[in-house]
Amino acid sequence: MTGTRSGGGVEDVYGEDYATEDQLVTPWTYSVASGYSLLRDPHHNKRLAFTEKERDSHYLRGLLPPAVVTQQLQEKKLMNNIRKYQVPLQKYMSMMELQERNERLFYKLLIDNVEDLLPIVYTPTVGEACQKYGSIFRRS
């Protein structure tokens, strides 16, 4: 799809300026496969936060549990789980697993909890993770 120019000289790549309320316009509408491929793409996967309409249009019915859970609720649950870990390296591994499956939620969690999580995903914990890389390696 070729983009159109909207106000301010910014190219409207996804057609958002011309979308109607009934049209689903999301970044992955034109660029990412639907269904199983969409769920395996950490850049665009929203997991349970996909709305009913998005699930239908991206062929996600049957690939996700029927419940729709907002990103805010997912974020709250994840922070509760991360806080249960006593060892910073465990928290680091949990955050890296989240990044591999849902980047959107990973960065939202990091931005909203920067004081708690920055020491986990940066110095000093990342130094320990580098030292123990062989034992914490999950997948390439």
Protein backbone atom coordinates (compact mmCIF):
# COMPACT_ATOMS: atom_id res chain seq x y z
CA MET A 1 0.00 0.00 0.00
CA THR A 2 1.39 3.37 -0.86
CA GLY A 3 1.06 6.02 1.81
CA THR A 4 -0.73 9.30 1.45
CA ARG A 5 0.31 12.68 2.74
CA SER A 6 -1.58 14.00 5.71
CA GLY A 7 -1.29 17.36 7.46
CA GLY A 8 2.23 18.52 8.32
CA GLY A 9 3.95 16.62 5.52
CA VAL A 10 3.88 13.31 7.43
CA GLU A 11 3.18 10.24 5.34
CA ASP A 12 0.09 8.31 6.45
CA VAL A 13 1.48 4.81 5.81
CA TYR A 14 -1.37 2.85 7.37
CA GLY A 15 -4.30 5.01 6.21
CA GLU A 16 -5.21 5.99 9.75
CA ASP A 17 -6.22 9.51 8.77
CA TYR A 18 -8.78 8.17 6.31
CA ALA A 19 -10.08 5.18 8.28
CA THR A 20 -13.70 4.95 9.30
CA GLU A 21 -14.80 3.70 12.68
CA ASP A 22 -15.78 0.32 11.16
CA GLN A 23 -12.38 -0.26 9.60
CA LEU A 24 -9.64 -1.93 11.58
CA VAL A 25 -6.45 -0.04 10.95
CA THR A 26 -3.51 -1.34 12.92
CA PRO A 27 0.19 -1.37 12.00
CA TRP A 28 0.07 -5.10 11.33
CA THR A 29 -3.00 -4.94 9.06
CA TYR A 30 -0.80 -4.48 6.01
CA SER A 31 2.58 -5.75 7.17
CA VAL A 32 2.21 -8.90 9.25
CA ALA A 33 0.56 -12.23 8.59
CA SER A 34 -2.45 -13.10 10.69
CA GLY A 35 -3.19 -16.06 12.90
CA TYR A 36 -0.35 -18.15 14.25
CA SER A 37 2.31 -15.97 12.59
CA LEU A 38 0.96 -12.86 14.30
CA LEU A 39 1.07 -14.56 17.70
CA ARG A 40 4.70 -15.54 17.12
CA ASP A 41 5.76 -11.99 16.21
CA PRO A 42 6.87 -10.21 19.41
CA HIS A 43 6.65 -6.78 17.72
CA HIS A 44 2.91 -7.04 17.10
CA ASN A 45 1.65 -9.69 19.50
CA LYS A 46 -0.73 -8.30 22.12
CA ARG A 47 -1.61 -11.75 23.49
CA LEU A 48 -4.91 -11.52 25.39
CA ALA A 49 -5.25 -7.77 24.72
CA PHE A 50 -6.52 -8.39 21.16
CA THR A 51 -10.12 -7.18 21.01
CA GLU A 52 -12.92 -9.38 19.70
CA LYS A 53 -12.90 -7.43 16.44
CA GLU A 54 -9.12 -7.81 16.04
CA ARG A 55 -9.34 -11.53 16.80
CA ASP A 56 -11.88 -11.95 14.00
CA SER A 57 -10.06 -9.83 11.43
CA HIS A 58 -6.66 -11.43 12.13
CA TYR A 59 -7.96 -15.03 12.34
CA LEU A 60 -7.06 -15.48 15.99
CA ARG A 61 -10.23 -17.30 17.08
CA GLY A 62 -9.30 -20.61 18.63
CA LEU A 63 -5.64 -19.60 18.96
CA LEU A 64 -6.20 -17.59 22.14
CA PRO A 65 -8.31 -18.18 25.25
CA PRO A 66 -11.71 -16.49 24.91
CA ALA A 67 -11.00 -13.85 27.60
CA VAL A 68 -9.90 -10.38 26.54
CA VAL A 69 -7.49 -8.91 29.10
CA THR A 70 -6.35 -5.30 28.79
CA GLN A 71 -2.68 -4.44 28.57
CA GLN A 72 -3.00 -2.59 31.89
CA LEU A 73 -4.25 -5.71 33.68
CA GLN A 74 -1.55 -7.85 32.04
CA GLU A 75 1.03 -5.32 33.20
CA LYS A 76 -0.28 -5.43 36.77
CA LYS A 77 -0.21 -9.24 36.86
CA LEU A 78 3.30 -9.38 35.44
CA MET A 79 4.66 -6.89 37.97
CA ASN A 80 3.10 -8.94 40.78
CA ASN A 81 4.79 -12.06 39.39
CA ILE A 82 8.15 -10.36 38.94
CA ARG A 83 8.06 -8.97 42.49
CA LYS A 84 7.66 -12.53 43.82
CA TYR A 85 11.13 -13.47 42.60
CA GLN A 86 13.82 -12.99 45.23
CA VAL A 87 16.85 -13.29 42.95
CA PRO A 88 17.47 -10.41 40.48
CA LEU A 89 18.64 -12.89 37.82
CA GLN A 90 15.23 -14.59 37.95
CA LYS A 91 13.56 -11.23 37.41
CA TYR A 92 15.90 -10.59 34.48
CA MET A 93 15.06 -13.95 32.90
CA SER A 94 11.34 -13.25 33.31
CA MET A 95 11.70 -9.85 31.62
CA MET A 96 13.72 -11.30 28.73
CA GLU A 97 11.12 -14.01 28.18
CA LEU A 98 8.45 -11.31 28.06
CA GLN A 99 10.48 -9.35 25.50
CA GLU A 100 10.72 -12.45 23.30
CA ARG A 101 6.95 -12.91 23.18
CA ASN A 102 5.42 -9.42 23.61
CA GLU A 103 7.68 -6.40 23.07
CA ARG A 104 4.84 -3.94 23.42
CA LEU A 105 4.06 -5.15 26.94
CA PHE A 106 7.77 -5.44 27.81
CA TYR A 107 8.44 -1.77 27.04
CA LYS A 108 5.18 -0.61 28.64
CA LEU A 109 6.11 -2.49 31.82
CA LEU A 110 9.64 -1.07 31.74
CA ILE A 111 8.49 2.53 31.18
CA ASP A 112 5.83 2.41 33.89
CA ASN A 113 8.14 0.72 36.43
CA VAL A 114 11.52 2.15 35.48
CA GLU A 115 12.79 2.53 39.05
CA ASP A 116 12.07 -1.11 39.88
CA LEU A 117 13.08 -2.68 36.58
CA LEU A 118 16.03 -0.66 35.29
CA PRO A 119 18.46 -2.34 37.73
CA ILE A 120 17.11 -5.67 36.47
CA VAL A 121 17.48 -5.10 32.72
CA TYR A 122 20.62 -2.97 33.04
CA THR A 123 23.54 -2.73 35.45
CA PRO A 124 24.16 -4.65 37.75
CA THR A 125 21.92 -7.63 36.88
CA VAL A 126 22.77 -7.71 33.17
CA GLY A 127 26.44 -8.16 34.13
CA GLU A 128 25.56 -11.29 36.09
CA ALA A 129 23.40 -12.47 33.20
CA CYS A 130 26.39 -12.13 30.87
CA GLN A 131 28.54 -14.17 33.25
CA LYS A 132 25.89 -16.91 33.51
CA TYR A 133 24.75 -16.76 29.87
CA GLY A 134 25.42 -20.44 29.25
CA SER A 135 23.19 -21.55 32.11
CA ILE A 136 20.28 -19.13 31.45
CA PHE A 137 20.22 -19.43 27.63
CA ARG A 138 16.69 -20.31 26.46
CA ARG A 139 16.51 -20.02 22.69
CA SER A 140 18.43 -18.51 19.80
